Amino acid sequence: MIKKWLMLSGQPQSWIEINKMIHKTSVVDNKSQISSSANIGPYCVIGSNVKIGNDVEIHSHVNIAGNTIIGDGTRIFPFAS
């Protein structure tokens, strides 16, 4: 599996798999666990202790925080929090 360093605010934060799509305007905590097949749209915030499953699609402007598990195949639409 190919990985690269995720840079947030100019600082290395965590490893992500190359086929994972996290929009450059989203903020992802380095303690979160995100499946390699998940897609995170623009202006999302993913907090620590968040687990995102396979084939999850998170549209723009979504905030996920706390001890949260997003199951496989879930779709979350804009402005959900």
C-alpha atoms as a PDB file:
ATOM      1  CA  MET A   1       0.000   0.000   0.000  1.00  0.00           C
ATOM      2  CA  ILE A   2       1.393   3.415  -0.977  1.00  0.00           C
ATOM      3  CA  LYS A   3       1.168   6.135   1.663  1.00  0.00           C
ATOM      4  CA  LYS A   4       2.149   9.770   1.858  1.00  0.00           C
ATOM      5  CA  TRP A   5       2.367  12.383   4.594  1.00  0.00           C
ATOM      6  CA  LEU A   6      -0.728  14.554   5.128  1.00  0.00           C
ATOM      7  CA  MET A   7       0.253  18.165   5.715  1.00  0.00           C
ATOM      8  CA  LEU A   8      -2.066  20.444   7.682  1.00  0.00           C
ATOM      9  CA  SER A   9      -1.073  24.040   8.390  1.00  0.00           C
ATOM     10  CA  GLY A  10       2.392  23.307   7.040  1.00  0.00           C
ATOM     11  CA  GLN A  11       3.062  20.597   9.644  1.00  0.00           C
ATOM     12  CA  PRO A  12       3.124  16.823   9.014  1.00  0.00           C
ATOM     13  CA  GLN A  13       0.116  15.311  10.764  1.00  0.00           C
ATOM     14  CA  SER A  14      -0.521  11.711   9.795  1.00  0.00           C
ATOM     15  CA  TRP A  15      -0.117   9.088   7.095  1.00  0.00           C
ATOM     16  CA  ILE A  16      -2.935   8.696   4.586  1.00  0.00           C
ATOM     17  CA  GLU A  17      -3.319   6.186   1.827  1.00  0.00           C
ATOM     18  CA  ILE A  18      -2.833   7.682  -1.616  1.00  0.00           C
ATOM     19  CA  ASN A  19      -6.202   6.581  -3.013  1.00  0.00           C
ATOM     20  CA  LYS A  20      -8.117   8.310  -0.203  1.00  0.00           C
ATOM     21  CA  MET A  21      -9.744  11.598  -1.241  1.00  0.00           C
ATOM     22  CA  ILE A  22      -9.662  14.298   1.406  1.00  0.00           C
ATOM     23  CA  HIS A  23     -10.328  17.765   0.027  1.00  0.00           C
ATOM     24  CA  LYS A  24      -7.525  20.237   0.705  1.00  0.00           C
ATOM     25  CA  THR A  25      -9.869  22.612   2.581  1.00  0.00           C
ATOM     26  CA  SER A  26     -10.967  19.956   5.080  1.00  0.00           C
ATOM     27  CA  VAL A  27      -9.432  19.635   8.538  1.00  0.00           C
ATOM     28  CA  VAL A  28      -8.785  16.074   9.736  1.00  0.00           C
ATOM     29  CA  ASP A  29      -7.463  15.246  13.200  1.00  0.00           C
ATOM     30  CA  ASN A  30      -4.442  12.944  13.128  1.00  0.00           C
ATOM     31  CA  LYS A  31      -6.110  10.602  15.667  1.00  0.00           C
ATOM     32  CA  SER A  32      -9.027   9.832  13.332  1.00  0.00           C
ATOM     33  CA  GLN A  33      -9.194   6.580  11.349  1.00  0.00           C
ATOM     34  CA  ILE A  34     -10.358   6.935   7.769  1.00  0.00           C
ATOM     35  CA  SER A  35     -10.840   4.091   5.290  1.00  0.00           C
ATOM     36  CA  SER A  36      -8.821   4.200   2.098  1.00  0.00           C
ATOM     37  CA  SER A  37     -12.048   4.220   0.068  1.00  0.00           C
ATOM     38  CA  ALA A  38     -13.683   7.155   1.903  1.00  0.00           C
ATOM     39  CA  ASN A  39     -14.210  10.548   0.257  1.00  0.00           C
ATOM     40  CA  ILE A  40     -14.282  13.744   2.312  1.00  0.00           C
ATOM     41  CA  GLY A  41     -15.510  16.872   0.563  1.00  0.00           C
ATOM     42  CA  PRO A  42     -14.548  20.517   1.007  1.00  0.00           C
ATOM     43  CA  TYR A  43     -14.722  22.434   4.303  1.00  0.00           C
ATOM     44  CA  CYS A  44     -15.327  19.363   6.486  1.00  0.00           C
ATOM     45  CA  VAL A  45     -14.002  18.957  10.023  1.00  0.00           C
ATOM     46  CA  ILE A  46     -13.177  15.443  11.247  1.00  0.00           C
ATOM     47  CA  GLY A  47     -12.248  15.290  14.943  1.00  0.00           C
ATOM     48  CA  SER A  48     -10.243  12.838  16.977  1.00  0.00           C
ATOM     49  CA  ASN A  49     -11.699   9.421  17.867  1.00  0.00           C
ATOM     50  CA  VAL A  50     -13.717   9.391  14.629  1.00  0.00           C
ATOM     51  CA  LYS A  51     -13.723   6.187  12.560  1.00  0.00           C
ATOM     52  CA  ILE A  52     -14.919   6.388   8.961  1.00  0.00           C
ATOM     53  CA  GLY A  53     -15.701   3.101   7.185  1.00  0.00           C
ATOM     54  CA  ASN A  54     -15.366   1.846   3.627  1.00  0.00           C
ATOM     55  CA  ASP A  55     -17.017   3.639   0.698  1.00  0.00           C
ATOM     56  CA  VAL A  56     -18.224   6.521   2.894  1.00  0.00           C
ATOM     57  CA  GLU A  57     -19.019   9.763   1.094  1.00  0.00           C
ATOM     58  CA  ILE A  58     -18.971  12.948   3.160  1.00  0.00           C
ATOM     59  CA  HIS A  59     -20.148  15.979   1.211  1.00  0.00           C
ATOM     60  CA  SER A  60     -19.091  19.568   1.935  1.00  0.00           C
ATOM     61  CA  HIS A  61     -19.407  21.479   5.226  1.00  0.00           C
ATOM     62  CA  VAL A  62     -19.817  18.423   7.501  1.00  0.00           C
ATOM     63  CA  ASN A  63     -18.573  18.395  11.103  1.00  0.00           C
ATOM     64  CA  ILE A  64     -17.961  15.014  12.803  1.00  0.00           C
ATOM     65  CA  ALA A  65     -16.653  15.007  16.386  1.00  0.00           C
ATOM     66  CA  GLY A  66     -16.560  12.907  19.542  1.00  0.00           C
ATOM     67  CA  ASN A  67     -16.429   9.115  19.735  1.00  0.00           C
ATOM     68  CA  THR A  68     -18.127   8.486  16.400  1.00  0.00           C
ATOM     69  CA  ILE A  69     -18.194   5.534  14.007  1.00  0.00           C
ATOM     70  CA  ILE A  70     -19.497   6.113  10.473  1.00  0.00           C
ATOM     71  CA  GLY A  71     -20.459   2.724   8.984  1.00  0.00           C
ATOM     72  CA  ASP A  72     -19.577   1.388   5.552  1.00  0.00           C
ATOM     73  CA  GLY A  73     -21.442   2.903   2.607  1.00  0.00           C
ATOM     74  CA  THR A  74     -22.815   5.897   4.534  1.00  0.00           C
ATOM     75  CA  ARG A  75     -23.483   9.171   2.724  1.00  0.00           C
ATOM     76  CA  ILE A  76     -23.527  12.391   4.749  1.00  0.00           C
ATOM     77  CA  PHE A  77     -24.868  15.499   3.072  1.00  0.00           C
ATOM     78  CA  PRO A  78     -23.864  19.187   3.462  1.00  0.00           C
ATOM     79  CA  PHE A  79     -24.135  21.002   6.793  1.00  0.00           C
ATOM     80  CA  ALA A  80     -24.669  17.844   8.884  1.00  0.00           C
ATOM     81  CA  SER A  81     -23.084  18.096  12.294  1.00  0.00           C
END
